Amino acid sequence: MSMDATLQIRIDGELKAQVEELYRSLGTSFAEAVRIFARQSLQEGGMPFRPALKTWDELTHEEIGVKLAQSEADIAAGRVCTQEELDSRMRERFANGGKAPSQ
């Protein structure tokens, strides 16, 4: 994949500093996070996450129950991994241009 285009955005300086520090602590860069976001958007055919306007504290008991039930179902079905496994999967996936590795 060639890097032949530049994206410029305006962002609050404090927000930029905080997010750069966050991604540095995760072993990557803000720029790489934006590239990952773009690739995942294409793979998902839209936003790579479900935008929500509510914070955890603003959720109703029912909404929290639904989220917890989904988490319990994921755990029961074995859909769990360690942070190290997730990091490894993501490095491998994005080394392959955003495509899941063949198994």
PDB file of N, CA and C in Angstrom:
ATOM      1  N   MET A   1       0.860  -1.172   0.000  1.00  0.00           N
ATOM      2  CA  MET A   1       0.000   0.000   0.000  1.00  0.00           C
ATOM      3  C   MET A   1       0.902   1.230   0.000  1.00  0.00           C
ATOM      4  N   SER A   2       0.700   2.100  -0.965  1.00  0.00           N
ATOM      5  CA  SER A   2       1.543   3.297  -1.012  1.00  0.00           C
ATOM      6  C   SER A   2       0.891   4.419  -0.215  1.00  0.00           C
ATOM      7  N   MET A   3       1.727   5.211   0.404  1.00  0.00           N
ATOM      8  CA  MET A   3       1.266   6.366   1.181  1.00  0.00           C
ATOM      9  C   MET A   3       1.424   7.590   0.298  1.00  0.00           C
ATOM     10  N   ASP A   4       0.401   7.908  -0.497  1.00  0.00           N
ATOM     11  CA  ASP A   4       0.537   9.006  -1.440  1.00  0.00           C
ATOM     12  C   ASP A   4      -0.468  10.134  -1.215  1.00  0.00           C
ATOM     13  N   ALA A   5      -1.168  10.110  -0.090  1.00  0.00           N
ATOM     14  CA  ALA A   5      -2.131  11.175   0.200  1.00  0.00           C
ATOM     15  C   ALA A   5      -1.935  11.647   1.637  1.00  0.00           C
ATOM     16  N   THR A   6      -2.199  12.910   1.855  1.00  0.00           N
ATOM     17  CA  THR A   6      -2.074  13.500   3.181  1.00  0.00           C
ATOM     18  C   THR A   6      -3.439  13.987   3.628  1.00  0.00           C
ATOM     19  N   LEU A   7      -3.758  13.749   4.877  1.00  0.00           N
ATOM     20  CA  LEU A   7      -5.002  14.205   5.477  1.00  0.00           C
ATOM     21  C   LEU A   7      -4.657  15.251   6.527  1.00  0.00           C
ATOM     22  N   GLN A   8      -5.271  16.412   6.445  1.00  0.00           N
ATOM     23  CA  GLN A   8      -5.060  17.451   7.451  1.00  0.00           C
ATOM     24  C   GLN A   8      -6.390  17.739   8.125  1.00  0.00           C
ATOM     25  N   ILE A   9      -6.380  17.801   9.445  1.00  0.00           N
ATOM     26  CA  ILE A   9      -7.585  18.143  10.200  1.00  0.00           C
ATOM     27  C   ILE A   9      -7.214  19.147  11.279  1.00  0.00           C
ATOM     28  N   ARG A  10      -8.193  19.895  11.710  1.00  0.00           N
ATOM     29  CA  ARG A  10      -8.000  20.798  12.849  1.00  0.00           C
ATOM     30  C   ARG A  10      -8.566  20.106  14.072  1.00  0.00           C
ATOM     31  N   ILE A  11      -7.797  20.169  15.166  1.00  0.00           N
ATOM     32  CA  ILE A  11      -8.208  19.523  16.407  1.00  0.00           C
ATOM     33  C   ILE A  11      -7.681  20.357  17.564  1.00  0.00           C
ATOM     34  N   ASP A  12      -8.409  20.389  18.639  1.00  0.00           N
ATOM     35  CA  ASP A  12      -7.989  21.102  19.841  1.00  0.00           C
ATOM     36  C   ASP A  12      -6.610  20.595  20.275  1.00  0.00           C
ATOM     37  N   GLY A  13      -5.708  21.508  20.589  1.00  0.00           N
ATOM     38  CA  GLY A  13      -4.339  21.145  20.951  1.00  0.00           C
ATOM     39  C   GLY A  13      -4.247  20.211  22.146  1.00  0.00           C
ATOM     40  N   GLU A  14      -5.043  20.459  23.165  1.00  0.00           N
ATOM     41  CA  GLU A  14      -5.022  19.601  24.365  1.00  0.00           C
ATOM     42  C   GLU A  14      -5.543  18.205  24.045  1.00  0.00           C
ATOM     43  N   LEU A  15      -6.615  18.125  23.260  1.00  0.00           N
ATOM     44  CA  LEU A  15      -7.155  16.827  22.845  1.00  0.00           C
ATOM     45  C   LEU A  15      -6.104  16.059  22.049  1.00  0.00           C
ATOM     46  N   LYS A  16      -5.438  16.750  21.125  1.00  0.00           N
ATOM     47  CA  LYS A  16      -4.400  16.113  20.311  1.00  0.00           C
ATOM     48  C   LYS A  16      -3.277  15.566  21.191  1.00  0.00           C
ATOM     49  N   ALA A  17      -2.819  16.346  22.140  1.00  0.00           N
ATOM     50  CA  ALA A  17      -1.746  15.901  23.036  1.00  0.00           C
ATOM     51  C   ALA A  17      -2.180  14.672  23.836  1.00  0.00           C
ATOM     52  N   GLN A  18      -3.419  14.686  24.324  1.00  0.00           N
ATOM     53  CA  GLN A  18      -3.911  13.556  25.120  1.00  0.00           C
ATOM     54  C   GLN A  18      -4.037  12.289  24.283  1.00  0.00           C
ATOM     55  N   VAL A  19      -4.581  12.416  23.074  1.00  0.00           N
ATOM     56  CA  VAL A  19      -4.768  11.230  22.242  1.00  0.00           C
ATOM     57  C   VAL A  19      -3.420  10.712  21.731  1.00  0.00           C
ATOM     58  N   GLU A  20      -2.473  11.606  21.447  1.00  0.00           N
ATOM     59  CA  GLU A  20      -1.135  11.155  21.047  1.00  0.00           C
ATOM     60  C   GLU A  20      -0.478  10.375  22.176  1.00  0.00           C
ATOM     61  N   GLU A  21      -0.611  10.852  23.394  1.00  0.00           N
ATOM     62  CA  GLU A  21      -0.054  10.140  24.551  1.00  0.00           C
ATOM     63  C   GLU A  21      -0.724   8.777  24.729  1.00  0.00           C
ATOM     64  N   LEU A  22      -2.038   8.731  24.548  1.00  0.00           N
ATOM     65  CA  LEU A  22      -2.772   7.469  24.653  1.00  0.00           C
ATOM     66  C   LEU A  22      -2.226   6.452  23.666  1.00  0.00           C
ATOM     67  N   TYR A  23      -2.134   6.828  22.385  1.00  0.00           N
ATOM     68  CA  TYR A  23      -1.675   5.877  21.385  1.00  0.00           C
ATOM     69  C   TYR A  23      -0.200   5.535  21.546  1.00  0.00           C
ATOM     70  N   ARG A  24       0.610   6.480  22.026  1.00  0.00           N
ATOM     71  CA  ARG A  24       2.017   6.174  22.334  1.00  0.00           C
ATOM     72  C   ARG A  24       2.083   5.093  23.407  1.00  0.00           C
ATOM     73  N   SER A  25       1.221   5.209  24.425  1.00  0.00           N
ATOM     74  CA  SER A  25       1.217   4.214  25.505  1.00  0.00           C
ATOM     75  C   SER A  25       0.733   2.856  25.014  1.00  0.00           C
ATOM     76  N   LEU A  26      -0.001   2.835  23.891  1.00  0.00           N
ATOM     77  CA  LEU A  26      -0.473   1.584  23.295  1.00  0.00           C
ATOM     78  C   LEU A  26       0.515   1.041  22.263  1.00  0.00           C
ATOM     79  N   GLY A  27       1.636   1.749  22.089  1.00  0.00           N
ATOM     80  CA  GLY A  27       2.675   1.273  21.183  1.00  0.00           C
ATOM     81  C   GLY A  27       2.461   1.635  19.731  1.00  0.00           C
ATOM     82  N   THR A  28       1.655   2.664  19.490  1.00  0.00           N
ATOM     83  CA  THR A  28       1.410   3.088  18.120  1.00  0.00           C
ATOM     84  C   THR A  28       1.321   4.611  18.084  1.00  0.00           C
ATOM     85  N   SER A  29       0.834   5.149  17.005  1.00  0.00           N
ATOM     86  CA  SER A  29       0.724   6.602  16.888  1.00  0.00           C
ATOM     87  C   SER A  29      -0.712   6.991  16.582  1.00  0.00           C
ATOM     88  N   PHE A  30      -1.017   8.248  16.785  1.00  0.00           N
ATOM     89  CA  PHE A  30      -2.332   8.777  16.440  1.00  0.00           C
ATOM     90  C   PHE A  30      -2.560   8.632  14.937  1.00  0.00           C
ATOM     91  N   ALA A  31      -1.536   8.901  14.141  1.00  0.00           N
ATOM     92  CA  ALA A  31      -1.663   8.765  12.686  1.00  0.00           C
ATOM     93  C   ALA A  31      -1.997   7.325  12.302  1.00  0.00           C
ATOM     94  N   GLU A  32      -1.328   6.350  12.935  1.00  0.00           N
ATOM     95  CA  GLU A  32      -1.621   4.948  12.639  1.00  0.00           C
ATOM     96  C   GLU A  32      -3.045   4.599  13.082  1.00  0.00           C
ATOM     97  N   ALA A  33      -3.497   5.145  14.202  1.00  0.00           N
ATOM     98  CA  ALA A  33      -4.861   4.903  14.655  1.00  0.00           C
ATOM     99  C   ALA A  33      -5.873   5.415  13.629  1.00  0.00           C
ATOM    100  N   VAL A  34      -5.591   6.555  13.022  1.00  0.00           N
ATOM    101  CA  VAL A  34      -6.478   7.102  11.988  1.00  0.00           C
ATOM    102  C   VAL A  34      -6.473   6.178  10.769  1.00  0.00           C
ATOM    103  N   ARG A  35      -5.299   5.651  10.382  1.00  0.00           N
ATOM    104  CA  ARG A  35      -5.232   4.715   9.248  1.00  0.00           C
ATOM    105  C   ARG A  35      -6.016   3.446   9.571  1.00  0.00           C
ATOM    106  N   ILE A  36      -5.898   2.942  10.799  1.00  0.00           N
ATOM    107  CA  ILE A  36      -6.648   1.754  11.220  1.00  0.00           C
ATOM    108  C   ILE A  36      -8.145   2.041  11.154  1.00  0.00           C
ATOM    109  N   PHE A  37      -8.554   3.206  11.642  1.00  0.00           N
ATOM    110  CA  PHE A  37      -9.953   3.612  11.595  1.00  0.00           C
ATOM    111  C   PHE A  37     -10.460   3.603  10.154  1.00  0.00           C
ATOM    112  N   ALA A  38      -9.684   4.148   9.224  1.00  0.00           N
ATOM    113  CA  ALA A  38     -10.095   4.207   7.822  1.00  0.00           C
ATOM    114  C   ALA A  38     -10.246   2.799   7.238  1.00  0.00           C
ATOM    115  N   ARG A  39      -9.250   1.931   7.485  1.00  0.00           N
ATOM    116  CA  ARG A  39      -9.320   0.559   6.964  1.00  0.00           C
ATOM    117  C   ARG A  39     -10.524  -0.181   7.534  1.00  0.00           C
ATOM    118  N   GLN A  40     -10.723  -0.052   8.843  1.00  0.00           N
ATOM    119  CA  GLN A  40     -11.827  -0.754   9.488  1.00  0.00           C
ATOM    120  C   GLN A  40     -13.170  -0.208   9.010  1.00  0.00           C
ATOM    121  N   SER A  41     -13.243   1.082   8.722  1.00  0.00           N
ATOM    122  CA  SER A  41     -14.475   1.675   8.186  1.00  0.00           C
ATOM    123  C   SER A  41     -14.836   1.022   6.857  1.00  0.00           C
ATOM    124  N   LEU A  42     -13.838   0.821   5.997  1.00  0.00           N
ATOM    125  CA  LEU A  42     -14.087   0.160   4.719  1.00  0.00           C
ATOM    126  C   LEU A  42     -14.529  -1.279   4.914  1.00  0.00           C
ATOM    127  N   GLN A  43     -13.871  -1.968   5.834  1.00  0.00           N
ATOM    128  CA  GLN A  43     -14.214  -3.366   6.086  1.00  0.00           C
ATOM    129  C   GLN A  43     -15.635  -3.490   6.636  1.00  0.00           C
ATOM    130  N   GLU A  44     -16.029  -2.566   7.509  1.00  0.00           N
ATOM    131  CA  GLU A  44     -17.352  -2.602   8.116  1.00  0.00           C
ATOM    132  C   GLU A  44     -18.426  -2.010   7.211  1.00  0.00           C
ATOM    133  N   GLY A  45     -18.003  -1.228   6.237  1.00  0.00           N
ATOM    134  CA  GLY A  45     -18.968  -0.536   5.392  1.00  0.00           C
ATOM    135  C   GLY A  45     -19.629   0.616   6.122  1.00  0.00           C
ATOM    136  N   GLY A  46     -18.927   1.216   7.058  1.00  0.00           N
ATOM    137  CA  GLY A  46     -19.444   2.328   7.856  1.00  0.00           C
ATOM    138  C   GLY A  46     -18.557   2.551   9.061  1.00  0.00           C
ATOM    139  N   MET A  47     -19.128   3.194  10.060  1.00  0.00           N
ATOM    140  CA  MET A  47     -18.357   3.442  11.282  1.00  0.00           C
ATOM    141  C   MET A  47     -17.935   2.108  11.894  1.00  0.00           C
ATOM    142  N   PRO A  48     -16.684   1.984  12.317  1.00  0.00           N
ATOM    143  CA  PRO A  48     -16.223   0.712  12.884  1.00  0.00           C
ATOM    144  C   PRO A  48     -16.625   0.511  14.349  1.00  0.00           C
ATOM    145  N   PHE A  49     -17.525   1.312  14.816  1.00  0.00           N
ATOM    146  CA  PHE A  49     -18.077   1.166  16.165  1.00  0.00           C
ATOM    147  C   PHE A  49     -19.455   1.797  16.145  1.00  0.00           C
ATOM    148  N   ARG A  50     -20.253   1.473  17.119  1.00  0.00           N
ATOM    149  CA  ARG A  50     -21.583   2.059  17.191  1.00  0.00           C
ATOM    150  C   ARG A  50     -21.517   3.336  18.011  1.00  0.00           C
ATOM    151  N   PRO A  51     -21.651   4.485  17.367  1.00  0.00           N
ATOM    152  CA  PRO A  51     -21.605   5.738  18.121  1.00  0.00           C
ATOM    153  C   PRO A  51     -22.731   5.780  19.149  1.00  0.00           C
ATOM    154  N   ALA A  52     -22.430   6.285  20.315  1.00  0.00           N
ATOM    155  CA  ALA A  52     -23.437   6.407  21.368  1.00  0.00           C
ATOM    156  C   ALA A  52     -23.288   7.769  22.028  1.00  0.00           C
ATOM    157  N   LEU A  53     -24.406   8.365  22.327  1.00  0.00           N
ATOM    158  CA  LEU A  53     -24.370   9.663  22.968  1.00  0.00           C
ATOM    159  C   LEU A  53     -24.364   9.548  24.483  1.00  0.00           C
ATOM    160  N   LYS A  54     -24.703   8.382  24.992  1.00  0.00           N
ATOM    161  CA  LYS A  54     -24.795   8.207  26.442  1.00  0.00           C
ATOM    162  C   LYS A  54     -23.484   7.678  27.016  1.00  0.00           C
ATOM    163  N   THR A  55     -23.127   8.179  28.165  1.00  0.00           N
ATOM    164  CA  THR A  55     -22.001   7.611  28.898  1.00  0.00           C
ATOM    165  C   THR A  55     -22.554   6.453  29.732  1.00  0.00           C
ATOM    166  N   TRP A  56     -21.673   5.641  30.263  1.00  0.00           N
ATOM    167  CA  TRP A  56     -22.091   4.498  31.090  1.00  0.00           C
ATOM    168  C   TRP A  56     -23.023   4.966  32.205  1.00  0.00           C
ATOM    169  N   ASP A  57     -22.697   6.092  32.822  1.00  0.00           N
ATOM    170  CA  ASP A  57     -23.503   6.603  33.934  1.00  0.00           C
ATOM    171  C   ASP A  57     -24.898   7.034  33.504  1.00  0.00           C
ATOM    172  N   GLU A  58     -25.092   7.296  32.212  1.00  0.00           N
ATOM    173  CA  GLU A  58     -26.387   7.745  31.712  1.00  0.00           C
ATOM    174  C   GLU A  58     -27.278   6.603  31.227  1.00  0.00           C
ATOM    175  N   LEU A  59     -26.735   5.384  31.167  1.00  0.00           N
ATOM    176  CA  LEU A  59     -27.521   4.249  30.702  1.00  0.00           C
ATOM    177  C   LEU A  59     -28.579   3.872  31.734  1.00  0.00           C
ATOM    178  N   THR A  60     -29.702   3.362  31.235  1.00  0.00           N
ATOM    179  CA  THR A  60     -30.741   2.859  32.144  1.00  0.00           C
ATOM    180  C   THR A  60     -30.313   1.488  32.656  1.00  0.00           C
ATOM    181  N   HIS A  61     -30.991   1.012  33.682  1.00  0.00           N
ATOM    182  CA  HIS A  61     -30.698  -0.325  34.206  1.00  0.00           C
ATOM    183  C   HIS A  61     -30.933  -1.377  33.114  1.00  0.00           C
ATOM    184  N   GLU A  62     -31.951  -1.171  32.292  1.00  0.00           N
ATOM    185  CA  GLU A  62     -32.244  -2.118  31.209  1.00  0.00           C
ATOM    186  C   GLU A  62     -31.123  -2.125  30.173  1.00  0.00           C
ATOM    187  N   GLU A  63     -30.631  -0.938  29.793  1.00  0.00           N
ATOM    188  CA  GLU A  63     -29.546  -0.856  28.814  1.00  0.00           C
ATOM    189  C   GLU A  63     -28.270  -1.503  29.353  1.00  0.00           C
ATOM    190  N   ILE A  64     -28.000  -1.281  30.614  1.00  0.00           N
ATOM    191  CA  ILE A  64     -26.834  -1.919  31.240  1.00  0.00           C
ATOM    192  C   ILE A  64     -27.018  -3.430  31.242  1.00  0.00           C
ATOM    193  N   GLY A  65     -28.233  -3.876  31.550  1.00  0.00           N
ATOM    194  CA  GLY A  65     -28.535  -5.310  31.556  1.00  0.00           C
ATOM    195  C   GLY A  65     -28.282  -5.953  30.204  1.00  0.00           C
ATOM    196  N   VAL A  66     -28.672  -5.265  29.133  1.00  0.00           N
ATOM    197  CA  VAL A  66     -28.455  -5.780  27.778  1.00  0.00           C
ATOM    198  C   VAL A  66     -26.958  -5.897  27.503  1.00  0.00           C
ATOM    199  N   LYS A  67     -26.193  -4.875  27.857  1.00  0.00           N
ATOM    200  CA  LYS A  67     -24.743  -4.907  27.632  1.00  0.00           C
ATOM    201  C   LYS A  67     -24.089  -6.035  28.437  1.00  0.00           C
ATOM    202  N   LEU A  68     -24.496  -6.182  29.684  1.00  0.00           N
ATOM    203  CA  LEU A  68     -23.926  -7.242  30.518  1.00  0.00           C
ATOM    204  C   LEU A  68     -24.313  -8.623  30.006  1.00  0.00           C
ATOM    205  N   ALA A  69     -25.552  -8.775  29.544  1.00  0.00           N
ATOM    206  CA  ALA A  69     -25.997 -10.062  29.000  1.00  0.00           C
ATOM    207  C   ALA A  69     -25.175 -10.421  27.759  1.00  0.00           C
ATOM    208  N   GLN A  70     -24.910  -9.434  26.905  1.00  0.00           N
ATOM    209  CA  GLN A  70     -24.093  -9.690  25.712  1.00  0.00           C
ATOM    210  C   GLN A  70     -22.679 -10.091  26.120  1.00  0.00           C
ATOM    211  N   SER A  71     -22.131  -9.419  27.130  1.00  0.00           N
ATOM    212  CA  SER A  71     -20.792  -9.775  27.616  1.00  0.00           C
ATOM    213  C   SER A  71     -20.785 -11.195  28.163  1.00  0.00           C
ATOM    214  N   GLU A  72     -21.799 -11.545  28.937  1.00  0.00           N
ATOM    215  CA  GLU A  72     -21.888 -12.905  29.487  1.00  0.00           C
ATOM    216  C   GLU A  72     -21.994 -13.935  28.373  1.00  0.00           C
ATOM    217  N   ALA A  73     -22.791 -13.629  27.331  1.00  0.00           N
ATOM    218  CA  ALA A  73     -22.928 -14.547  26.196  1.00  0.00           C
ATOM    219  C   ALA A  73     -21.592 -14.712  25.479  1.00  0.00           C
ATOM    220  N   ASP A  74     -20.863 -13.608  25.293  1.00  0.00           N
ATOM    221  CA  ASP A  74     -19.554 -13.679  24.649  1.00  0.00           C
ATOM    222  C   ASP A  74     -18.601 -14.549  25.464  1.00  0.00           C
ATOM    223  N   ILE A  75     -18.592 -14.357  26.768  1.00  0.00           N
ATOM    224  CA  ILE A  75     -17.713 -15.144  27.639  1.00  0.00           C
ATOM    225  C   ILE A  75     -18.102 -16.617  27.588  1.00  0.00           C
ATOM    226  N   ALA A  76     -19.404 -16.904  27.696  1.00  0.00           N
ATOM    227  CA  ALA A  76     -19.878 -18.291  27.679  1.00  0.00           C
ATOM    228  C   ALA A  76     -19.541 -18.979  26.359  1.00  0.00           C
ATOM    229  N   ALA A  77     -19.557 -18.225  25.263  1.00  0.00           N
ATOM    230  CA  ALA A  77     -19.261 -18.787  23.938  1.00  0.00           C
ATOM    231  C   ALA A  77     -17.762 -18.830  23.655  1.00  0.00           C
ATOM    232  N   GLY A  78     -16.968 -18.364  24.623  1.00  0.00           N
ATOM    233  CA  GLY A  78     -15.519 -18.389  24.441  1.00  0.00           C
ATOM    234  C   GLY A  78     -14.986 -17.259  23.584  1.00  0.00           C
ATOM    235  N   ARG A  79     -15.801 -16.224  23.374  1.00  0.00           N
ATOM    236  CA  ARG A  79     -15.351 -15.084  22.564  1.00  0.00           C
ATOM    237  C   ARG A  79     -14.590 -14.113  23.458  1.00  0.00           C
ATOM    238  N   VAL A  80     -13.464 -14.572  23.980  1.00  0.00           N
ATOM    239  CA  VAL A  80     -12.611 -13.760  24.845  1.00  0.00           C
ATOM    240  C   VAL A  80     -11.160 -13.976  24.435  1.00  0.00           C
ATOM    241  N   CYS A  81     -10.311 -13.017  24.756  1.00  0.00           N
ATOM    242  CA  CYS A  81      -8.885 -13.166  24.517  1.00  0.00           C
ATOM    243  C   CYS A  81      -8.152 -12.214  25.461  1.00  0.00           C
ATOM    244  N   THR A  82      -6.868 -12.450  25.599  1.00  0.00           N
ATOM    245  CA  THR A  82      -6.065 -11.563  26.435  1.00  0.00           C
ATOM    246  C   THR A  82      -5.717 -10.310  25.630  1.00  0.00           C
ATOM    247  N   GLN A  83      -5.269  -9.263  26.299  1.00  0.00           N
ATOM    248  CA  GLN A  83      -4.854  -8.046  25.604  1.00  0.00           C
ATOM    249  C   GLN A  83      -3.696  -8.348  24.667  1.00  0.00           C
ATOM    250  N   GLU A  84      -2.782  -9.217  25.092  1.00  0.00           N
ATOM    251  CA  GLU A  84      -1.643  -9.570  24.249  1.00  0.00           C
ATOM    252  C   GLU A  84      -2.118 -10.267  22.973  1.00  0.00           C
ATOM    253  N   GLU A  85      -3.106 -11.190  23.102  1.00  0.00           N
ATOM    254  CA  GLU A  85      -3.640 -11.866  21.922  1.00  0.00           C
ATOM    255  C   GLU A  85      -4.313 -10.867  20.977  1.00  0.00           C
ATOM    256  N   LEU A  86      -5.075  -9.950  21.541  1.00  0.00           N
ATOM    257  CA  LEU A  86      -5.748  -8.943  20.724  1.00  0.00           C
ATOM    258  C   LEU A  86      -4.731  -8.061  20.006  1.00  0.00           C
ATOM    259  N   ASP A  87      -3.711  -7.602  20.730  1.00  0.00           N
ATOM    260  CA  ASP A  87      -2.669  -6.779  20.113  1.00  0.00           C
ATOM    261  C   ASP A  87      -1.995  -7.529  18.962  1.00  0.00           C
ATOM    262  N   SER A  88      -1.689  -8.805  19.175  1.00  0.00           N
ATOM    263  CA  SER A  88      -1.039  -9.614  18.146  1.00  0.00           C
ATOM    264  C   SER A  88      -1.946  -9.759  16.925  1.00  0.00           C
ATOM    265  N   ARG A  89      -3.237 -10.039  17.154  1.00  0.00           N
ATOM    266  CA  ARG A  89      -4.187 -10.161  16.048  1.00  0.00           C
ATOM    267  C   ARG A  89      -4.277  -8.865  15.252  1.00  0.00           C
ATOM    268  N   MET A  90      -4.318  -7.735  15.952  1.00  0.00           N
ATOM    269  CA  MET A  90      -4.452  -6.456  15.269  1.00  0.00           C
ATOM    270  C   MET A  90      -3.185  -6.133  14.473  1.00  0.00           C
ATOM    271  N   ARG A  91      -2.005  -6.405  15.052  1.00  0.00           N
ATOM    272  CA  ARG A  91      -0.760  -6.172  14.317  1.00  0.00           C
ATOM    273  C   ARG A  91      -0.731  -7.020  13.047  1.00  0.00           C
ATOM    274  N   GLU A  92      -1.113  -8.292  13.180  1.00  0.00           N
ATOM    275  CA  GLU A  92      -1.107  -9.192  12.026  1.00  0.00           C
ATOM    276  C   GLU A  92      -2.142  -8.753  10.987  1.00  0.00           C
ATOM    277  N   ARG A  93      -3.323  -8.397  11.446  1.00  0.00           N
ATOM    278  CA  ARG A  93      -4.377  -7.980  10.522  1.00  0.00           C
ATOM    279  C   ARG A  93      -3.955  -6.753   9.729  1.00  0.00           C
ATOM    280  N   PHE A  94      -3.400  -5.760  10.397  1.00  0.00           N
ATOM    281  CA  PHE A  94      -3.078  -4.529   9.699  1.00  0.00           C
ATOM    282  C   PHE A  94      -1.749  -4.599   8.964  1.00  0.00           C
ATOM    283  N   ALA A  95      -0.960  -5.605   9.248  1.00  0.00           N
ATOM    284  CA  ALA A  95       0.225  -5.867   8.426  1.00  0.00           C
ATOM    285  C   ALA A  95      -0.221  -6.443   7.083  1.00  0.00           C
ATOM    286  N   ASN A  96      -1.426  -7.022   7.063  1.00  0.00           N
ATOM    287  CA  ASN A  96      -1.995  -7.608   5.849  1.00  0.00           C
ATOM    288  C   ASN A  96      -2.973  -6.660   5.171  1.00  0.00           C
ATOM    289  N   GLY A  97      -2.815  -5.370   5.372  1.00  0.00           N
ATOM    290  CA  GLY A  97      -3.678  -4.394   4.715  1.00  0.00           C
ATOM    291  C   GLY A  97      -5.093  -4.375   5.266  1.00  0.00           C
ATOM    292  N   GLY A  98      -5.291  -4.790   6.520  1.00  0.00           N
ATOM    293  CA  GLY A  98      -6.614  -4.733   7.132  1.00  0.00           C
ATOM    294  C   GLY A  98      -7.431  -5.995   6.931  1.00  0.00           C
ATOM    295  N   LYS A  99      -6.873  -6.997   6.220  1.00  0.00           N
ATOM    296  CA  LYS A  99      -7.611  -8.235   5.995  1.00  0.00           C
ATOM    297  C   LYS A  99      -7.239  -9.235   7.085  1.00  0.00           C
ATOM    298  N   ALA A 100      -8.232 -10.000   7.525  1.00  0.00           N
ATOM    299  CA  ALA A 100      -7.965 -11.029   8.528  1.00  0.00           C
ATOM    300  C   ALA A 100      -7.004 -12.051   7.940  1.00  0.00           C
ATOM    301  N   PRO A 101      -6.033 -12.539   8.744  1.00  0.00           N
ATOM    302  CA  PRO A 101      -5.097 -13.539   8.239  1.00  0.00           C
ATOM    303  C   PRO A 101      -5.827 -14.838   7.900  1.00  0.00           C
ATOM    304  N   SER A 102      -5.346 -15.553   6.872  1.00  0.00           N
ATOM    305  CA  SER A 102      -5.975 -16.843   6.544  1.00  0.00           C
ATOM    306  C   SER A 102      -5.622 -17.861   7.619  1.00  0.00           C
ATOM    307  N   GLN A 103      -6.594 -18.722   7.859  1.00  0.00           N
ATOM    308  CA  GLN A 103      -6.371 -19.709   8.926  1.00  0.00           C
ATOM    309  C   GLN A 103      -6.368 -21.105   8.398  1.00  0.00           C
TER     310      GLN A 103
END
